[in-house]
Amino acid sequence: TIVAIVLAAAAIVGWRHWGNYRETEAVNASVIYQCMQDAIEQAQTRPDSSELFMAVRSSAEQLIAEYGNSAYADYARLTLARLAVEEGDYESAAATLQDVVDAADTDTIKWVATLRLARLKIEMKDLDGASALVTTKVPEAFAGQALELKGDIQRARSDIDGARAAYEDAIELMQSDAHKELVRMKLQDLAPAS
């Protein structure tokens, strides 16, 4: 019985130590993430500052290196993909987004990355690749955006009727009025229905 008590006490101490370690890691990752966010905000007001973009990139790379299996690392990868797009490096952005899709910490992050990757593939004229991403079973929260992208793909393929149908369906499912308005504008830009 003494052995059982000692083992139980050791397990409790070990569990508490592990919990404290995980909490410390989360706090450390949060601090780095906040530094990255602060640098992003500053860079948006001073887009000519390569120093700020280097700080964003450095923080993102640190999050990925030190906390690679966390949601913070996924957010850092999304940030790096955005920076790559802004630099015109679509291939790098696509590879980074695909990494997030393949190993995201949460389904929400996975679908954010999936839809961003589909948008990027449309921009890269990889319509089949984009279509493959948005024709799978999409969670309800992202269905409107996926339908919008299907409309964009159909429009790029000159399938005006298909684009119109997808945009109309997207408007029905979207919850954000601002986003609905954007899709309505896309719908209005299509040639008139025959």
C-alpha atoms as a PDB file:
ATOM      1  CA  THR A   1       0.000   0.000   0.000  1.00  0.00           C
ATOM      2  CA  ILE A   2       2.901   2.378   0.667  1.00  0.00           C
ATOM      3  CA  VAL A   3       4.151   1.721  -2.877  1.00  0.00           C
ATOM      4  CA  ALA A   4       0.698   2.537  -4.262  1.00  0.00           C
ATOM      5  CA  ILE A   5       0.579   5.784  -2.276  1.00  0.00           C
ATOM      6  CA  VAL A   6       4.069   6.775  -3.478  1.00  0.00           C
ATOM      7  CA  LEU A   7       3.138   5.975  -7.089  1.00  0.00           C
ATOM      8  CA  ALA A   8      -0.112   7.925  -6.817  1.00  0.00           C
ATOM      9  CA  ALA A   9       1.716  10.931  -5.331  1.00  0.00           C
ATOM     10  CA  ALA A  10       4.351  10.758  -8.086  1.00  0.00           C
ATOM     11  CA  ALA A  11       1.613  10.608 -10.732  1.00  0.00           C
ATOM     12  CA  ILE A  12      -0.126  13.654  -9.274  1.00  0.00           C
ATOM     13  CA  VAL A  13       3.118  15.635  -9.081  1.00  0.00           C
ATOM     14  CA  GLY A  14       4.024  14.587 -12.631  1.00  0.00           C
ATOM     15  CA  TRP A  15       0.592  15.519 -13.952  1.00  0.00           C
ATOM     16  CA  ARG A  16       0.738  18.957 -12.295  1.00  0.00           C
ATOM     17  CA  HIS A  17       4.256  19.523 -13.652  1.00  0.00           C
ATOM     18  CA  TRP A  18       3.079  18.563 -17.150  1.00  0.00           C
ATOM     19  CA  GLY A  19       0.092  20.925 -16.845  1.00  0.00           C
ATOM     20  CA  ASN A  20       2.327  23.779 -15.699  1.00  0.00           C
ATOM     21  CA  TYR A  21       4.741  23.098 -18.556  1.00  0.00           C
ATOM     22  CA  ARG A  22       1.920  23.166 -21.128  1.00  0.00           C
ATOM     23  CA  GLU A  23       0.546  26.379 -19.637  1.00  0.00           C
ATOM     24  CA  THR A  24       3.984  28.019 -19.781  1.00  0.00           C
ATOM     25  CA  GLU A  25       4.411  26.920 -23.398  1.00  0.00           C
ATOM     26  CA  ALA A  26       1.027  28.385 -24.308  1.00  0.00           C
ATOM     27  CA  VAL A  27       1.869  31.686 -22.635  1.00  0.00           C
ATOM     28  CA  ASN A  28       5.245  31.856 -24.411  1.00  0.00           C
ATOM     29  CA  ALA A  29       3.642  31.122 -27.781  1.00  0.00           C
ATOM     30  CA  SER A  30       0.990  33.729 -27.070  1.00  0.00           C
ATOM     31  CA  VAL A  31       3.633  36.398 -26.405  1.00  0.00           C
ATOM     32  CA  ILE A  32       5.405  35.651 -29.694  1.00  0.00           C
ATOM     33  CA  TYR A  33       2.075  35.631 -31.522  1.00  0.00           C
ATOM     34  CA  GLN A  34       1.157  39.013 -30.034  1.00  0.00           C
ATOM     35  CA  CYS A  35       4.515  40.432 -31.143  1.00  0.00           C
ATOM     36  CA  MET A  36       3.761  39.147 -34.654  1.00  0.00           C
ATOM     37  CA  GLN A  37       0.297  40.754 -34.586  1.00  0.00           C
ATOM     38  CA  ASP A  38       1.731  44.064 -33.357  1.00  0.00           C
ATOM     39  CA  ALA A  39       4.299  44.035 -36.170  1.00  0.00           C
ATOM     40  CA  ILE A  40       1.526  43.288 -38.696  1.00  0.00           C
ATOM     41  CA  GLU A  41      -0.520  46.272 -37.455  1.00  0.00           C
ATOM     42  CA  GLN A  42       2.502  48.554 -37.666  1.00  0.00           C
ATOM     43  CA  ALA A  43       3.443  47.226 -41.116  1.00  0.00           C
ATOM     44  CA  GLN A  44      -0.057  48.007 -42.417  1.00  0.00           C
ATOM     45  CA  THR A  45       0.422  51.667 -41.543  1.00  0.00           C
ATOM     46  CA  ARG A  46       3.955  51.687 -42.989  1.00  0.00           C
ATOM     47  CA  PRO A  47       3.941  49.321 -45.966  1.00  0.00           C
ATOM     48  CA  ASP A  48       7.364  50.569 -47.078  1.00  0.00           C
ATOM     49  CA  SER A  49       9.015  49.284 -43.907  1.00  0.00           C
ATOM     50  CA  SER A  50      10.874  46.105 -44.754  1.00  0.00           C
ATOM     51  CA  GLU A  51      12.074  46.049 -41.146  1.00  0.00           C
ATOM     52  CA  LEU A  52       8.526  45.478 -39.884  1.00  0.00           C
ATOM     53  CA  PHE A  53       7.878  42.746 -42.454  1.00  0.00           C
ATOM     54  CA  MET A  54      11.102  41.057 -41.328  1.00  0.00           C
ATOM     55  CA  ALA A  55       9.817  41.208 -37.730  1.00  0.00           C
ATOM     56  CA  VAL A  56       6.538  39.591 -38.807  1.00  0.00           C
ATOM     57  CA  ARG A  57       8.383  36.879 -40.725  1.00  0.00           C
ATOM     58  CA  SER A  58      10.806  36.292 -37.851  1.00  0.00           C
ATOM     59  CA  SER A  59       8.013  35.925 -35.281  1.00  0.00           C
ATOM     60  CA  ALA A  60       6.077  33.596 -37.584  1.00  0.00           C
ATOM     61  CA  GLU A  61       9.117  31.417 -38.206  1.00  0.00           C
ATOM     62  CA  GLN A  62       9.842  31.298 -34.468  1.00  0.00           C
ATOM     63  CA  LEU A  63       6.282  30.168 -33.721  1.00  0.00           C
ATOM     64  CA  ILE A  64       6.534  27.414 -36.331  1.00  0.00           C
ATOM     65  CA  ALA A  65       9.956  26.276 -35.118  1.00  0.00           C
ATOM     66  CA  GLU A  66       9.186  26.294 -31.393  1.00  0.00           C
ATOM     67  CA  TYR A  67       5.443  25.546 -31.308  1.00  0.00           C
ATOM     68  CA  GLY A  68       4.980  23.672 -34.584  1.00  0.00           C
ATOM     69  CA  ASN A  69       2.004  21.584 -33.490  1.00  0.00           C
ATOM     70  CA  SER A  70      -0.039  24.448 -32.098  1.00  0.00           C
ATOM     71  CA  ALA A  71      -2.766  26.666 -33.502  1.00  0.00           C
ATOM     72  CA  TYR A  72      -0.285  29.547 -33.128  1.00  0.00           C
ATOM     73  CA  ALA A  73       1.982  27.851 -35.662  1.00  0.00           C
ATOM     74  CA  ASP A  74      -0.976  27.469 -38.030  1.00  0.00           C
ATOM     75  CA  TYR A  75      -1.777  31.180 -37.704  1.00  0.00           C
ATOM     76  CA  ALA A  76       1.897  31.915 -38.348  1.00  0.00           C
ATOM     77  CA  ARG A  77       1.775  29.794 -41.516  1.00  0.00           C
ATOM     78  CA  LEU A  78      -1.342  31.666 -42.661  1.00  0.00           C
ATOM     79  CA  THR A  79       0.557  34.910 -42.093  1.00  0.00           C
ATOM     80  CA  LEU A  80       3.587  33.677 -44.051  1.00  0.00           C
ATOM     81  CA  ALA A  81       1.289  32.656 -46.904  1.00  0.00           C
ATOM     82  CA  ARG A  82      -0.243  36.141 -46.932  1.00  0.00           C
ATOM     83  CA  LEU A  83       3.216  37.716 -47.022  1.00  0.00           C
ATOM     84  CA  ALA A  84       4.191  35.433 -49.908  1.00  0.00           C
ATOM     85  CA  VAL A  85       1.080  36.490 -51.852  1.00  0.00           C
ATOM     86  CA  GLU A  86       1.886  40.145 -51.225  1.00  0.00           C
ATOM     87  CA  GLU A  87       5.386  39.487 -52.572  1.00  0.00           C
ATOM     88  CA  GLY A  88       3.936  37.735 -55.644  1.00  0.00           C
ATOM     89  CA  ASP A  89       5.338  34.332 -54.644  1.00  0.00           C
ATOM     90  CA  TYR A  90       2.167  32.326 -55.241  1.00  0.00           C
ATOM     91  CA  GLU A  91       3.926  28.954 -55.340  1.00  0.00           C
ATOM     92  CA  SER A  92       5.373  29.457 -51.863  1.00  0.00           C
ATOM     93  CA  ALA A  93       2.036  30.711 -50.563  1.00  0.00           C
ATOM     94  CA  ALA A  94       0.239  27.685 -52.013  1.00  0.00           C
ATOM     95  CA  ALA A  95       2.746  25.280 -50.452  1.00  0.00           C
ATOM     96  CA  THR A  96       2.414  26.979 -47.061  1.00  0.00           C
ATOM     97  CA  LEU A  97      -1.391  26.909 -47.210  1.00  0.00           C
ATOM     98  CA  GLN A  98      -1.303  23.250 -48.216  1.00  0.00           C
ATOM     99  CA  ASP A  99       0.835  22.534 -45.130  1.00  0.00           C
ATOM    100  CA  VAL A 100      -1.876  24.096 -42.969  1.00  0.00           C
ATOM    101  CA  VAL A 101      -4.641  22.163 -44.744  1.00  0.00           C
ATOM    102  CA  ASP A 102      -2.740  18.905 -44.256  1.00  0.00           C
ATOM    103  CA  ALA A 103      -1.961  19.328 -40.555  1.00  0.00           C
ATOM    104  CA  ALA A 104      -4.120  22.067 -39.029  1.00  0.00           C
ATOM    105  CA  ASP A 105      -4.617  22.081 -35.282  1.00  0.00           C
ATOM    106  CA  THR A 106      -8.371  22.677 -35.684  1.00  0.00           C
ATOM    107  CA  ASP A 107     -10.995  22.140 -38.385  1.00  0.00           C
ATOM    108  CA  THR A 108     -11.707  25.873 -38.461  1.00  0.00           C
ATOM    109  CA  ILE A 109      -8.094  26.694 -39.305  1.00  0.00           C
ATOM    110  CA  LYS A 110      -8.092  23.889 -41.875  1.00  0.00           C
ATOM    111  CA  TRP A 111     -11.103  25.343 -43.693  1.00  0.00           C
ATOM    112  CA  VAL A 112      -9.798  28.902 -43.546  1.00  0.00           C
ATOM    113  CA  ALA A 113      -6.601  27.648 -45.193  1.00  0.00           C
ATOM    114  CA  THR A 114      -8.546  25.512 -47.686  1.00  0.00           C
ATOM    115  CA  LEU A 115     -10.631  28.443 -48.897  1.00  0.00           C
ATOM    116  CA  ARG A 116      -7.591  30.722 -49.080  1.00  0.00           C
ATOM    117  CA  LEU A 117      -5.781  28.061 -51.083  1.00  0.00           C
ATOM    118  CA  ALA A 118      -8.750  27.764 -53.447  1.00  0.00           C
ATOM    119  CA  ARG A 119      -8.736  31.562 -53.974  1.00  0.00           C
ATOM    120  CA  LEU A 120      -5.020  31.438 -54.676  1.00  0.00           C
ATOM    121  CA  LYS A 121      -5.412  28.563 -57.137  1.00  0.00           C
ATOM    122  CA  ILE A 122      -8.053  30.583 -58.992  1.00  0.00           C
ATOM    123  CA  GLU A 123      -5.586  33.462 -59.182  1.00  0.00           C
ATOM    124  CA  MET A 124      -2.939  31.014 -60.456  1.00  0.00           C
ATOM    125  CA  LYS A 125      -5.426  29.778 -63.120  1.00  0.00           C
ATOM    126  CA  ASP A 126      -5.444  26.281 -61.569  1.00  0.00           C
ATOM    127  CA  LEU A 127      -9.220  26.021 -61.793  1.00  0.00           C
ATOM    128  CA  ASP A 128      -9.293  22.239 -61.468  1.00  0.00           C
ATOM    129  CA  GLY A 129      -7.195  22.436 -58.284  1.00  0.00           C
ATOM    130  CA  ALA A 130      -9.436  25.142 -56.872  1.00  0.00           C
ATOM    131  CA  SER A 131     -12.560  23.205 -57.783  1.00  0.00           C
ATOM    132  CA  ALA A 132     -11.266  20.083 -56.047  1.00  0.00           C
ATOM    133  CA  LEU A 133     -10.859  22.064 -52.831  1.00  0.00           C
ATOM    134  CA  VAL A 134     -14.399  23.480 -52.765  1.00  0.00           C
ATOM    135  CA  THR A 135     -16.373  20.510 -54.072  1.00  0.00           C
ATOM    136  CA  THR A 136     -15.659  18.346 -51.045  1.00  0.00           C
ATOM    137  CA  LYS A 137     -18.008  18.291 -48.054  1.00  0.00           C
ATOM    138  CA  VAL A 138     -17.638  21.777 -46.609  1.00  0.00           C
ATOM    139  CA  PRO A 139     -18.734  22.600 -43.037  1.00  0.00           C
ATOM    140  CA  GLU A 140     -21.883  24.724 -42.885  1.00  0.00           C
ATOM    141  CA  ALA A 141     -20.004  27.753 -41.537  1.00  0.00           C
ATOM    142  CA  PHE A 142     -17.888  27.853 -44.713  1.00  0.00           C
ATOM    143  CA  ALA A 143     -20.481  26.708 -47.266  1.00  0.00           C
ATOM    144  CA  GLY A 144     -21.361  30.217 -48.456  1.00  0.00           C
ATOM    145  CA  GLN A 145     -17.734  31.090 -49.092  1.00  0.00           C
ATOM    146  CA  ALA A 146     -17.177  27.775 -50.876  1.00  0.00           C
ATOM    147  CA  LEU A 147     -20.155  28.486 -53.135  1.00  0.00           C
ATOM    148  CA  GLU A 148     -18.793  31.953 -53.848  1.00  0.00           C
ATOM    149  CA  LEU A 149     -15.521  30.358 -54.929  1.00  0.00           C
ATOM    150  CA  LYS A 150     -17.425  27.853 -57.080  1.00  0.00           C
ATOM    151  CA  GLY A 151     -19.032  30.872 -58.737  1.00  0.00           C
ATOM    152  CA  ASP A 152     -15.604  32.443 -59.285  1.00  0.00           C
ATOM    153  CA  ILE A 153     -14.373  29.202 -60.854  1.00  0.00           C
ATOM    154  CA  GLN A 154     -17.418  28.978 -63.128  1.00  0.00           C
ATOM    155  CA  ARG A 155     -17.004  32.621 -64.127  1.00  0.00           C
ATOM    156  CA  ALA A 156     -13.325  31.985 -64.947  1.00  0.00           C
ATOM    157  CA  ARG A 157     -14.473  29.057 -67.109  1.00  0.00           C
ATOM    158  CA  SER A 158     -16.971  31.381 -68.848  1.00  0.00           C
ATOM    159  CA  ASP A 159     -19.897  29.390 -67.444  1.00  0.00           C
ATOM    160  CA  ILE A 160     -22.049  32.399 -66.629  1.00  0.00           C
ATOM    161  CA  ASP A 161     -25.149  30.368 -65.731  1.00  0.00           C
ATOM    162  CA  GLY A 162     -23.124  28.143 -63.385  1.00  0.00           C
ATOM    163  CA  ALA A 163     -21.519  31.204 -61.800  1.00  0.00           C
ATOM    164  CA  ARG A 164     -24.913  32.872 -61.353  1.00  0.00           C
ATOM    165  CA  ALA A 165     -26.386  29.785 -59.665  1.00  0.00           C
ATOM    166  CA  ALA A 166     -23.393  29.428 -57.329  1.00  0.00           C
ATOM    167  CA  TYR A 167     -23.443  33.111 -56.367  1.00  0.00           C
ATOM    168  CA  GLU A 168     -27.192  33.030 -55.701  1.00  0.00           C
ATOM    169  CA  ASP A 169     -26.772  29.950 -53.503  1.00  0.00           C
ATOM    170  CA  ALA A 170     -23.844  31.602 -51.710  1.00  0.00           C
ATOM    171  CA  ILE A 171     -25.911  34.680 -50.867  1.00  0.00           C
ATOM    172  CA  GLU A 172     -28.577  32.452 -49.333  1.00  0.00           C
ATOM    173  CA  LEU A 173     -26.055  30.770 -47.024  1.00  0.00           C
ATOM    174  CA  MET A 174     -23.846  33.707 -46.048  1.00  0.00           C
ATOM    175  CA  GLN A 175     -24.340  35.303 -42.679  1.00  0.00           C
ATOM    176  CA  SER A 176     -22.258  38.453 -43.096  1.00  0.00           C
ATOM    177  CA  ASP A 177     -24.137  41.272 -44.802  1.00  0.00           C
ATOM    178  CA  ALA A 178     -20.860  42.778 -46.036  1.00  0.00           C
ATOM    179  CA  HIS A 179     -19.849  39.503 -47.645  1.00  0.00           C
ATOM    180  CA  LYS A 180     -23.320  39.059 -49.146  1.00  0.00           C
ATOM    181  CA  GLU A 181     -22.991  42.503 -50.706  1.00  0.00           C
ATOM    182  CA  LEU A 182     -19.648  41.561 -52.247  1.00  0.00           C
ATOM    183  CA  VAL A 183     -21.195  38.450 -53.801  1.00  0.00           C
ATOM    184  CA  ARG A 184     -24.185  40.500 -55.010  1.00  0.00           C
ATOM    185  CA  MET A 185     -21.740  42.790 -56.805  1.00  0.00           C
ATOM    186  CA  LYS A 186     -20.112  39.770 -58.459  1.00  0.00           C
ATOM    187  CA  LEU A 187     -23.571  38.576 -59.478  1.00  0.00           C
ATOM    188  CA  GLN A 188     -24.394  41.966 -60.971  1.00  0.00           C
ATOM    189  CA  ASP A 189     -21.113  41.967 -62.913  1.00  0.00           C
ATOM    190  CA  LEU A 190     -22.175  38.839 -64.792  1.00  0.00           C
ATOM    191  CA  ALA A 191     -23.773  39.200 -68.176  1.00  0.00           C
ATOM    192  CA  PRO A 192     -27.583  39.472 -67.989  1.00  0.00           C
ATOM    193  CA  ALA A 193     -29.536  36.216 -67.780  1.00  0.00           C
ATOM    194  CA  SER A 194     -30.903  35.031 -71.110  1.00  0.00           C
END
